[in-house]
Structure formats: C-alpha cells, structure tokens
C-alpha cells in the first residue's frame, strides 16, 4: 500500500497553496482578519458537509463521528480560549 500517491500529493499542494494565499492576503491587508475567520469557517463547514454527504448519501449509514469531531474541536477551542484569554485565530497587531 502506498502512503502517498500522486493524487494525494496534488491535494496537499492545493491545500497548502490555499492556506498561504489566505494568510498572505491578511498579512498584506487586502482582507480583514474577520473575513479570514469567516472564510475559514465556511471552508470547514464545506468539508463537513461533503464528508457527511459521502457517508449518509452514498452508503446510507448514519455517522455520529462528524458530530463527535466537531464537539471535540469546540471543546478544545473553549479550553484554549479560557486558558489563554484570547480568541484563537485573532491576530493582535503590534
């Protein structure tokens, strides 16, 4: 079994390119950090919807794993917010 095939490397490069594009747009002041957070939330929800569509739509199985991963992520974000006193994803300008 191959760990990395050509298609997975292409998707990794597309993902990294998208990340650096969004990060550079915020760094150069083209978009606000608010729009960055909104865009990231939209993309996360798109990934969640496509994954849920694959599980429920094509295989007909009910999956609680998606809800579990989102709950773990929300719980970890809540802990980080209370421990650090700042919201994750918000950059402070110095």
PDB file of N, CA and C in Angstrom:
ATOM      1  N   UNK A   1       0.834  -1.176   0.000  1.00  0.00           N
ATOM      2  CA  UNK A   1       0.000   0.000   0.000  1.00  0.00           C
ATOM      3  C   UNK A   1       0.883   1.245   0.000  1.00  0.00           C
ATOM      4  N   UNK A   2       0.605   2.133  -0.928  1.00  0.00           N
ATOM      5  CA  UNK A   2       1.355   3.377  -0.990  1.00  0.00           C
ATOM      6  C   UNK A   2       0.814   4.366   0.035  1.00  0.00           C
ATOM      7  N   UNK A   3       1.699   5.021   0.725  1.00  0.00           N
ATOM      8  CA  UNK A   3       1.277   6.018   1.699  1.00  0.00           C
ATOM      9  C   UNK A   3       0.871   7.294   0.963  1.00  0.00           C
ATOM     10  N   UNK A   4       1.687   7.725   0.022  1.00  0.00           N
ATOM     11  CA  UNK A   4       1.393   8.909  -0.768  1.00  0.00           C
ATOM     12  C   UNK A   4       1.339   8.510  -2.232  1.00  0.00           C
ATOM     13  N   UNK A   5       0.244   8.815  -2.863  1.00  0.00           N
ATOM     14  CA  UNK A   5       0.199   8.644  -4.297  1.00  0.00           C
ATOM     15  C   UNK A   5       0.163  10.025  -4.938  1.00  0.00           C
ATOM     16  N   UNK A   6       0.115  10.063  -6.230  1.00  0.00           N
ATOM     17  CA  UNK A   6       0.209  11.332  -6.939  1.00  0.00           C
ATOM     18  C   UNK A   6      -0.972  12.247  -6.629  1.00  0.00           C
ATOM     19  N   UNK A   7      -2.167  11.681  -6.524  1.00  0.00           N
ATOM     20  CA  UNK A   7      -3.350  12.493  -6.264  1.00  0.00           C
ATOM     21  C   UNK A   7      -3.325  13.115  -4.876  1.00  0.00           C
ATOM     22  N   UNK A   8      -2.872  12.379  -3.874  1.00  0.00           N
ATOM     23  CA  UNK A   8      -2.832  12.937  -2.524  1.00  0.00           C
ATOM     24  C   UNK A   8      -1.785  14.041  -2.411  1.00  0.00           C
ATOM     25  N   UNK A   9      -0.700  13.931  -3.136  1.00  0.00           N
ATOM     26  CA  UNK A   9       0.309  14.995  -3.122  1.00  0.00           C
ATOM     27  C   UNK A   9      -0.231  16.247  -3.803  1.00  0.00           C
ATOM     28  N   UNK A  10      -0.997  16.073  -4.869  1.00  0.00           N
ATOM     29  CA  UNK A  10      -1.601  17.223  -5.551  1.00  0.00           C
ATOM     30  C   UNK A  10      -2.583  17.928  -4.623  1.00  0.00           C
ATOM     31  N   UNK A  11      -3.427  17.173  -3.907  1.00  0.00           N
ATOM     32  CA  UNK A  11      -4.375  17.789  -2.981  1.00  0.00           C
ATOM     33  C   UNK A  11      -3.666  18.472  -1.816  1.00  0.00           C
ATOM     34  N   UNK A  12      -2.556  17.899  -1.369  1.00  0.00           N
ATOM     35  CA  UNK A  12      -1.776  18.540  -0.313  1.00  0.00           C
ATOM     36  C   UNK A  12      -1.226  19.877  -0.794  1.00  0.00           C
ATOM     37  N   UNK A  13      -0.735  19.911  -2.002  1.00  0.00           N
ATOM     38  CA  UNK A  13      -0.197  21.165  -2.557  1.00  0.00           C
ATOM     39  C   UNK A  13      -1.300  22.213  -2.739  1.00  0.00           C
ATOM     40  N   UNK A  14      -2.479  21.787  -3.193  1.00  0.00           N
ATOM     41  CA  UNK A  14      -3.594  22.723  -3.350  1.00  0.00           C
ATOM     42  C   UNK A  14      -4.006  23.288  -1.994  1.00  0.00           C
ATOM     43  N   UNK A  15      -4.037  22.446  -0.974  1.00  0.00           N
ATOM     44  CA  UNK A  15      -4.401  22.891   0.368  1.00  0.00           C
ATOM     45  C   UNK A  15      -3.380  23.889   0.911  1.00  0.00           C
ATOM     46  N   UNK A  16      -2.100  23.576   0.764  1.00  0.00           N
ATOM     47  CA  UNK A  16      -1.057  24.491   1.241  1.00  0.00           C
ATOM     48  C   UNK A  16      -1.067  25.806   0.471  1.00  0.00           C
ATOM     49  N   UNK A  17      -1.314  25.743  -0.829  1.00  0.00           N
ATOM     50  CA  UNK A  17      -1.392  26.958  -1.632  1.00  0.00           C
ATOM     51  C   UNK A  17      -2.558  27.833  -1.178  1.00  0.00           C
ATOM     52  N   UNK A  18      -3.696  27.217  -0.898  1.00  0.00           N
ATOM     53  CA  UNK A  18      -4.847  27.975  -0.402  1.00  0.00           C
ATOM     54  C   UNK A  18      -4.582  28.607   0.951  1.00  0.00           C
ATOM     55  N   UNK A  19      -3.920  27.853   1.833  1.00  0.00           N
ATOM     56  CA  UNK A  19      -3.586  28.395   3.154  1.00  0.00           C
ATOM     57  C   UNK A  19      -2.667  29.608   3.032  1.00  0.00           C
ATOM     58  N   UNK A  20      -1.612  29.479   2.240  1.00  0.00           N
ATOM     59  CA  UNK A  20      -0.678  30.589   2.100  1.00  0.00           C
ATOM     60  C   UNK A  20      -1.298  31.766   1.356  1.00  0.00           C
ATOM     61  N   UNK A  21      -2.240  31.509   0.460  1.00  0.00           N
ATOM     62  CA  UNK A  21      -2.923  32.604  -0.230  1.00  0.00           C
ATOM     63  C   UNK A  21      -3.775  33.404   0.754  1.00  0.00           C
ATOM     64  N   UNK A  22      -4.543  32.712   1.587  1.00  0.00           N
ATOM     65  CA  UNK A  22      -5.379  33.413   2.573  1.00  0.00           C
ATOM     66  C   UNK A  22      -4.515  34.140   3.586  1.00  0.00           C
ATOM     67  N   UNK A  23      -3.443  33.498   4.037  1.00  0.00           N
ATOM     68  CA  UNK A  23      -2.557  34.112   5.025  1.00  0.00           C
ATOM     69  C   UNK A  23      -1.856  35.346   4.457  1.00  0.00           C
ATOM     70  N   UNK A  24      -1.430  35.284   3.217  1.00  0.00           N
ATOM     71  CA  UNK A  24      -0.760  36.443   2.622  1.00  0.00           C
ATOM     72  C   UNK A  24      -1.738  37.584   2.361  1.00  0.00           C
ATOM     73  N   UNK A  25      -2.992  37.275   2.021  1.00  0.00           N
ATOM     74  CA  UNK A  25      -3.984  38.336   1.836  1.00  0.00           C
ATOM     75  C   UNK A  25      -4.238  39.079   3.142  1.00  0.00           C
ATOM     76  N   UNK A  26      -4.245  38.380   4.250  1.00  0.00           N
ATOM     77  CA  UNK A  26      -4.418  39.036   5.549  1.00  0.00           C
ATOM     78  C   UNK A  26      -3.162  39.805   5.920  1.00  0.00           C
ATOM     79  N   UNK A  27      -1.994  39.224   5.644  1.00  0.00           N
ATOM     80  CA  UNK A  27      -0.731  39.875   6.011  1.00  0.00           C
ATOM     81  C   UNK A  27      -0.550  41.201   5.281  1.00  0.00           C
ATOM     82  N   UNK A  28      -0.909  41.255   4.003  1.00  0.00           N
ATOM     83  CA  UNK A  28      -0.751  42.483   3.229  1.00  0.00           C
ATOM     84  C   UNK A  28      -1.925  43.443   3.389  1.00  0.00           C
ATOM     85  N   UNK A  29      -2.906  43.083   4.183  1.00  0.00           N
ATOM     86  CA  UNK A  29      -4.006  43.984   4.482  1.00  0.00           C
ATOM     87  C   UNK A  29      -5.077  44.043   3.418  1.00  0.00           C
ATOM     88  N   UNK A  30      -5.119  43.073   2.533  1.00  0.00           N
ATOM     89  CA  UNK A  30      -6.130  43.075   1.480  1.00  0.00           C
ATOM     90  C   UNK A  30      -7.486  42.677   2.050  1.00  0.00           C
ATOM     91  N   UNK A  31      -7.500  41.697   2.954  1.00  0.00           N
ATOM     92  CA  UNK A  31      -8.742  41.337   3.634  1.00  0.00           C
ATOM     93  C   UNK A  31      -8.532  41.451   5.141  1.00  0.00           C
ATOM     94  N   UNK A  32      -9.631  41.685   5.839  1.00  0.00           N
ATOM     95  CA  UNK A  32      -9.609  41.796   7.293  1.00  0.00           C
ATOM     96  C   UNK A  32      -9.451  40.422   7.933  1.00  0.00           C
ATOM     97  N   UNK A  33      -8.947  40.360   9.172  1.00  0.00           N
ATOM     98  CA  UNK A  33      -8.952  39.075   9.899  1.00  0.00           C
ATOM     99  C   UNK A  33     -10.354  38.526  10.116  1.00  0.00           C
ATOM    100  N   UNK A  34     -11.358  39.416  10.201  1.00  0.00           N
ATOM    101  CA  UNK A  34     -12.737  38.951  10.342  1.00  0.00           C
ATOM    102  C   UNK A  34     -13.151  38.127   9.130  1.00  0.00           C
ATOM    103  N   UNK A  35     -12.829  38.612   7.946  1.00  0.00           N
ATOM    104  CA  UNK A  35     -13.178  37.879   6.732  1.00  0.00           C
ATOM    105  C   UNK A  35     -12.373  36.595   6.604  1.00  0.00           C
ATOM    106  N   UNK A  36     -11.161  36.588   7.147  1.00  0.00           N
ATOM    107  CA  UNK A  36     -10.368  35.361   7.154  1.00  0.00           C
ATOM    108  C   UNK A  36     -11.048  34.291   8.011  1.00  0.00           C
ATOM    109  N   UNK A  37     -11.489  34.679   9.197  1.00  0.00           N
ATOM    110  CA  UNK A  37     -12.152  33.724  10.080  1.00  0.00           C
ATOM    111  C   UNK A  37     -13.453  33.232   9.452  1.00  0.00           C
ATOM    112  N   UNK A  38     -14.197  34.161   8.831  1.00  0.00           N
ATOM    113  CA  UNK A  38     -15.447  33.773   8.171  1.00  0.00           C
ATOM    114  C   UNK A  38     -15.175  32.811   7.024  1.00  0.00           C
ATOM    115  N   UNK A  39     -14.162  33.070   6.227  1.00  0.00           N
ATOM    116  CA  UNK A  39     -13.813  32.201   5.108  1.00  0.00           C
ATOM    117  C   UNK A  39     -13.363  30.829   5.589  1.00  0.00           C
ATOM    118  N   UNK A  40     -12.584  30.791   6.644  1.00  0.00           N
ATOM    119  CA  UNK A  40     -12.130  29.512   7.192  1.00  0.00           C
ATOM    120  C   UNK A  40     -13.312  28.716   7.740  1.00  0.00           C
ATOM    121  N   UNK A  41     -14.246  29.388   8.419  1.00  0.00           N
ATOM    122  CA  UNK A  41     -15.435  28.694   8.921  1.00  0.00           C
ATOM    123  C   UNK A  41     -16.285  28.145   7.788  1.00  0.00           C
ATOM    124  N   UNK A  42     -16.414  28.901   6.717  1.00  0.00           N
ATOM    125  CA  UNK A  42     -17.176  28.420   5.553  1.00  0.00           C
ATOM    126  C   UNK A  42     -16.497  27.191   4.954  1.00  0.00           C
ATOM    127  N   UNK A  43     -15.185  27.225   4.821  1.00  0.00           N
ATOM    128  CA  UNK A  43     -14.467  26.084   4.250  1.00  0.00           C
ATOM    129  C   UNK A  43     -14.541  24.851   5.153  1.00  0.00           C
ATOM    130  N   UNK A  44     -14.482  25.045   6.463  1.00  0.00           N
ATOM    131  CA  UNK A  44     -14.623  23.917   7.384  1.00  0.00           C
ATOM    132  C   UNK A  44     -16.009  23.293   7.263  1.00  0.00           C
ATOM    133  N   UNK A  45     -17.033  24.137   7.159  1.00  0.00           N
ATOM    134  CA  UNK A  45     -18.390  23.608   7.014  1.00  0.00           C
ATOM    135  C   UNK A  45     -18.598  22.919   5.674  1.00  0.00           C
ATOM    136  N   UNK A  46     -17.913  23.381   4.625  1.00  0.00           N
ATOM    137  CA  UNK A  46     -17.985  22.691   3.332  1.00  0.00           C
ATOM    138  C   UNK A  46     -17.369  21.303   3.442  1.00  0.00           C
ATOM    139  N   UNK A  47     -16.232  21.198   4.111  1.00  0.00           N
ATOM    140  CA  UNK A  47     -15.597  19.889   4.303  1.00  0.00           C
ATOM    141  C   UNK A  47     -16.511  18.970   5.106  1.00  0.00           C
ATOM    142  N   UNK A  48     -17.137  19.512   6.154  1.00  0.00           N
ATOM    143  CA  UNK A  48     -18.059  18.719   6.968  1.00  0.00           C
ATOM    144  C   UNK A  48     -19.250  18.243   6.147  1.00  0.00           C
ATOM    145  N   UNK A  49     -19.814  19.117   5.330  1.00  0.00           N
ATOM    146  CA  UNK A  49     -20.995  18.750   4.540  1.00  0.00           C
ATOM    147  C   UNK A  49     -20.661  17.716   3.477  1.00  0.00           C
ATOM    148  N   UNK A  50     -19.512  17.852   2.834  1.00  0.00           N
ATOM    149  CA  UNK A  50     -19.126  16.875   1.812  1.00  0.00           C
ATOM    150  C   UNK A  50     -18.856  15.512   2.442  1.00  0.00           C
ATOM    151  N   UNK A  51     -18.193  15.485   3.586  1.00  0.00           N
ATOM    152  CA  UNK A  51     -17.932  14.219   4.270  1.00  0.00           C
ATOM    153  C   UNK A  51     -19.206  13.551   4.741  1.00  0.00           C
ATOM    154  N   UNK A  52     -20.135  14.351   5.262  1.00  0.00           N
ATOM    155  CA  UNK A  52     -21.408  13.793   5.704  1.00  0.00           C
ATOM    156  C   UNK A  52     -22.238  13.306   4.520  1.00  0.00           C
ATOM    157  N   UNK A  53     -22.150  14.010   3.393  1.00  0.00           N
ATOM    158  CA  UNK A  53     -22.859  13.578   2.194  1.00  0.00           C
ATOM    159  C   UNK A  53     -22.303  12.250   1.687  1.00  0.00           C
ATOM    160  N   UNK A  54     -21.011  12.069   1.772  1.00  0.00           N
ATOM    161  CA  UNK A  54     -20.421  10.802   1.335  1.00  0.00           C
ATOM    162  C   UNK A  54     -20.890   9.643   2.208  1.00  0.00           C
ATOM    163  N   UNK A  55     -20.907   9.860   3.525  1.00  0.00           N
ATOM    164  CA  UNK A  55     -21.295   8.778   4.432  1.00  0.00           C
ATOM    165  C   UNK A  55     -22.792   8.486   4.359  1.00  0.00           C
ATOM    166  N   UNK A  56     -23.601   9.520   4.501  1.00  0.00           N
ATOM    167  CA  UNK A  56     -25.043   9.313   4.559  1.00  0.00           C
ATOM    168  C   UNK A  56     -25.645   9.117   3.175  1.00  0.00           C
ATOM    169  N   UNK A  57     -25.196   9.910   2.210  1.00  0.00           N
ATOM    170  CA  UNK A  57     -25.805   9.875   0.895  1.00  0.00           C
ATOM    171  C   UNK A  57     -25.468   8.647   0.082  1.00  0.00           C
ATOM    172  N   UNK A  58     -24.201   8.289   0.029  1.00  0.00           N
ATOM    173  CA  UNK A  58     -23.797   7.189  -0.843  1.00  0.00           C
ATOM    174  C   UNK A  58     -23.868   5.832  -0.160  1.00  0.00           C
ATOM    175  N   UNK A  59     -23.512   5.777   1.110  1.00  0.00           N
ATOM    176  CA  UNK A  59     -23.524   4.467   1.774  1.00  0.00           C
ATOM    177  C   UNK A  59     -24.788   4.228   2.596  1.00  0.00           C
ATOM    178  N   UNK A  60     -25.516   5.295   2.907  1.00  0.00           N
ATOM    179  CA  UNK A  60     -26.755   5.136   3.663  1.00  0.00           C
ATOM    180  C   UNK A  60     -26.550   4.855   5.138  1.00  0.00           C
ATOM    181  N   UNK A  61     -25.350   5.082   5.640  1.00  0.00           N
ATOM    182  CA  UNK A  61     -25.070   4.818   7.052  1.00  0.00           C
ATOM    183  C   UNK A  61     -25.141   6.121   7.846  1.00  0.00           C
ATOM    184  N   UNK A  62     -25.595   6.011   9.076  1.00  0.00           N
ATOM    185  CA  UNK A  62     -25.634   7.163   9.961  1.00  0.00           C
ATOM    186  C   UNK A  62     -24.297   7.260  10.686  1.00  0.00           C
ATOM    187  N   UNK A  63     -23.698   8.429  10.653  1.00  0.00           N
ATOM    188  CA  UNK A  63     -22.396   8.604  11.281  1.00  0.00           C
ATOM    189  C   UNK A  63     -22.481   9.667  12.366  1.00  0.00           C
ATOM    190  N   UNK A  64     -22.108   9.299  13.574  1.00  0.00           N
ATOM    191  CA  UNK A  64     -22.022  10.268  14.654  1.00  0.00           C
ATOM    192  C   UNK A  64     -20.592  10.766  14.840  1.00  0.00           C
ATOM    193  N   UNK A  65     -19.680  10.255  14.024  1.00  0.00           N
ATOM    194  CA  UNK A  65     -18.283  10.666  14.118  1.00  0.00           C
ATOM    195  C   UNK A  65     -18.082  12.126  13.766  1.00  0.00           C
ATOM    196  N   UNK A  66     -18.838  12.618  12.796  1.00  0.00           N
ATOM    197  CA  UNK A  66     -18.706  14.023  12.412  1.00  0.00           C
ATOM    198  C   UNK A  66     -19.080  14.943  13.573  1.00  0.00           C
ATOM    199  N   UNK A  67     -20.178  14.634  14.209  1.00  0.00           N
ATOM    200  CA  UNK A  67     -20.603  15.438  15.352  1.00  0.00           C
ATOM    201  C   UNK A  67     -19.603  15.325  16.495  1.00  0.00           C
ATOM    202  N   UNK A  68     -19.034  14.146  16.682  1.00  0.00           N
ATOM    203  CA  UNK A  68     -18.042  13.953  17.733  1.00  0.00           C
ATOM    204  C   UNK A  68     -16.777  14.756  17.498  1.00  0.00           C
ATOM    205  N   UNK A  69     -16.278  14.763  16.257  1.00  0.00           N
ATOM    206  CA  UNK A  69     -15.072  15.533  15.950  1.00  0.00           C
ATOM    207  C   UNK A  69     -15.321  17.031  16.081  1.00  0.00           C
ATOM    208  N   UNK A  70     -16.493  17.484  15.662  1.00  0.00           N
ATOM    209  CA  UNK A  70     -16.809  18.903  15.816  1.00  0.00           C
ATOM    210  C   UNK A  70     -16.939  19.264  17.298  1.00  0.00           C
ATOM    211  N   UNK A  71     -17.510  18.364  18.105  1.00  0.00           N
ATOM    212  CA  UNK A  71     -17.647  18.628  19.536  1.00  0.00           C
ATOM    213  C   UNK A  71     -16.286  18.671  20.228  1.00  0.00           C
ATOM    214  N   UNK A  72     -15.397  17.756  19.856  1.00  0.00           N
ATOM    215  CA  UNK A  72     -14.048  17.758  20.440  1.00  0.00           C
ATOM    216  C   UNK A  72     -13.310  19.041  20.064  1.00  0.00           C
ATOM    217  N   UNK A  73     -13.447  19.461  18.824  1.00  0.00           N
ATOM    218  CA  UNK A  73     -12.810  20.708  18.388  1.00  0.00           C
ATOM    219  C   UNK A  73     -13.364  21.921  19.104  1.00  0.00           C
ATOM    220  N   UNK A  74     -14.681  21.954  19.303  1.00  0.00           N
ATOM    221  CA  UNK A  74     -15.291  23.077  20.017  1.00  0.00           C
ATOM    222  C   UNK A  74     -14.870  23.085  21.487  1.00  0.00           C
ATOM    223  N   UNK A  75     -14.792  21.900  22.096  1.00  0.00           N
ATOM    224  CA  UNK A  75     -14.379  21.812  23.497  1.00  0.00           C
ATOM    225  C   UNK A  75     -12.918  22.254  23.655  1.00  0.00           C
ATOM    226  N   UNK A  76     -12.056  21.817  22.751  1.00  0.00           N
ATOM    227  CA  UNK A  76     -10.645  22.215  22.812  1.00  0.00           C
ATOM    228  C   UNK A  76     -10.493  23.717  22.592  1.00  0.00           C
ATOM    229  N   UNK A  77     -11.274  24.292  21.697  1.00  0.00           N
ATOM    230  CA  UNK A  77     -11.228  25.733  21.473  1.00  0.00           C
ATOM    231  C   UNK A  77     -11.689  26.490  22.708  1.00  0.00           C
ATOM    232  N   UNK A  78     -12.720  25.984  23.376  1.00  0.00           N
ATOM    233  CA  UNK A  78     -13.183  26.621  24.607  1.00  0.00           C
ATOM    234  C   UNK A  78     -12.132  26.590  25.697  1.00  0.00           C
ATOM    235  N   UNK A  79     -11.429  25.469  25.815  1.00  0.00           N
ATOM    236  CA  UNK A  79     -10.362  25.374  26.818  1.00  0.00           C
ATOM    237  C   UNK A  79      -9.223  26.336  26.482  1.00  0.00           C
ATOM    238  N   UNK A  80      -8.823  26.379  25.219  1.00  0.00           N
ATOM    239  CA  UNK A  80      -7.748  27.289  24.822  1.00  0.00           C
ATOM    240  C   UNK A  80      -8.133  28.749  25.029  1.00  0.00           C
ATOM    241  N   UNK A  81      -9.394  29.073  24.776  1.00  0.00           N
ATOM    242  CA  UNK A  81      -9.847  30.448  24.960  1.00  0.00           C
ATOM    243  C   UNK A  81      -9.819  30.851  26.425  1.00  0.00           C
ATOM    244  N   UNK A  82     -10.253  29.967  27.315  1.00  0.00           N
ATOM    245  CA  UNK A  82     -10.255  30.323  28.732  1.00  0.00           C
ATOM    246  C   UNK A  82      -8.851  30.319  29.324  1.00  0.00           C
ATOM    247  N   UNK A  83      -7.985  29.460  28.839  1.00  0.00           N
ATOM    248  CA  UNK A  83      -6.616  29.400  29.376  1.00  0.00           C
ATOM    249  C   UNK A  83      -5.764  30.571  28.889  1.00  0.00           C
ATOM    250  N   UNK A  84      -5.894  30.938  27.623  1.00  0.00           N
ATOM    251  CA  UNK A  84      -5.032  31.973  27.051  1.00  0.00           C
ATOM    252  C   UNK A  84      -5.639  33.363  27.131  1.00  0.00           C
ATOM    253  N   UNK A  85      -6.940  33.463  27.309  1.00  0.00           N
ATOM    254  CA  UNK A  85      -7.570  34.771  27.412  1.00  0.00           C
ATOM    255  C   UNK A  85      -7.747  35.467  26.079  1.00  0.00           C
ATOM    256  N   UNK A  86      -7.520  34.802  24.997  1.00  0.00           N
ATOM    257  CA  UNK A  86      -7.697  35.386  23.678  1.00  0.00           C
ATOM    258  C   UNK A  86      -8.405  34.395  22.776  1.00  0.00           C
ATOM    259  N   UNK A  87      -9.016  34.902  21.740  1.00  0.00           N
ATOM    260  CA  UNK A  87      -9.695  34.031  20.799  1.00  0.00           C
ATOM    261  C   UNK A  87      -8.692  33.456  19.809  1.00  0.00           C
ATOM    262  N   UNK A  88      -8.748  32.146  19.542  1.00  0.00           N
ATOM    263  CA  UNK A  88      -7.859  31.574  18.545  1.00  0.00           C
ATOM    264  C   UNK A  88      -8.212  32.097  17.156  1.00  0.00           C
ATOM    265  N   UNK A  89      -7.215  32.376  16.383  1.00  0.00           N
ATOM    266  CA  UNK A  89      -7.441  32.873  15.026  1.00  0.00           C
ATOM    267  C   UNK A  89      -7.438  34.377  14.925  1.00  0.00           C
ATOM    268  N   UNK A  90      -7.525  35.079  16.051  1.00  0.00           N
ATOM    269  CA  UNK A  90      -7.489  36.532  16.032  1.00  0.00           C
ATOM    270  C   UNK A  90      -6.057  36.969  16.253  1.00  0.00           C
ATOM    271  N   UNK A  91      -5.556  37.753  15.350  1.00  0.00           N
ATOM    272  CA  UNK A  91      -4.175  38.238  15.476  1.00  0.00           C
ATOM    273  C   UNK A  91      -4.178  39.622  16.086  1.00  0.00           C
ATOM    274  N   UNK A  92      -3.241  39.868  16.931  1.00  0.00           N
ATOM    275  CA  UNK A  92      -3.103  41.185  17.516  1.00  0.00           C
ATOM    276  C   UNK A  92      -2.007  41.928  16.773  1.00  0.00           C
ATOM    277  N   UNK A  93      -2.305  43.124  16.373  1.00  0.00           N
ATOM    278  CA  UNK A  93      -1.324  43.947  15.662  1.00  0.00           C
ATOM    279  C   UNK A  93      -0.457  44.685  16.674  1.00  0.00           C
ATOM    280  N   UNK A  94       0.832  44.631  16.469  1.00  0.00           N
ATOM    281  CA  UNK A  94       1.759  45.321  17.376  1.00  0.00           C
ATOM    282  C   UNK A  94       2.402  46.483  16.681  1.00  0.00           C
TER     283      UNK A  94
END
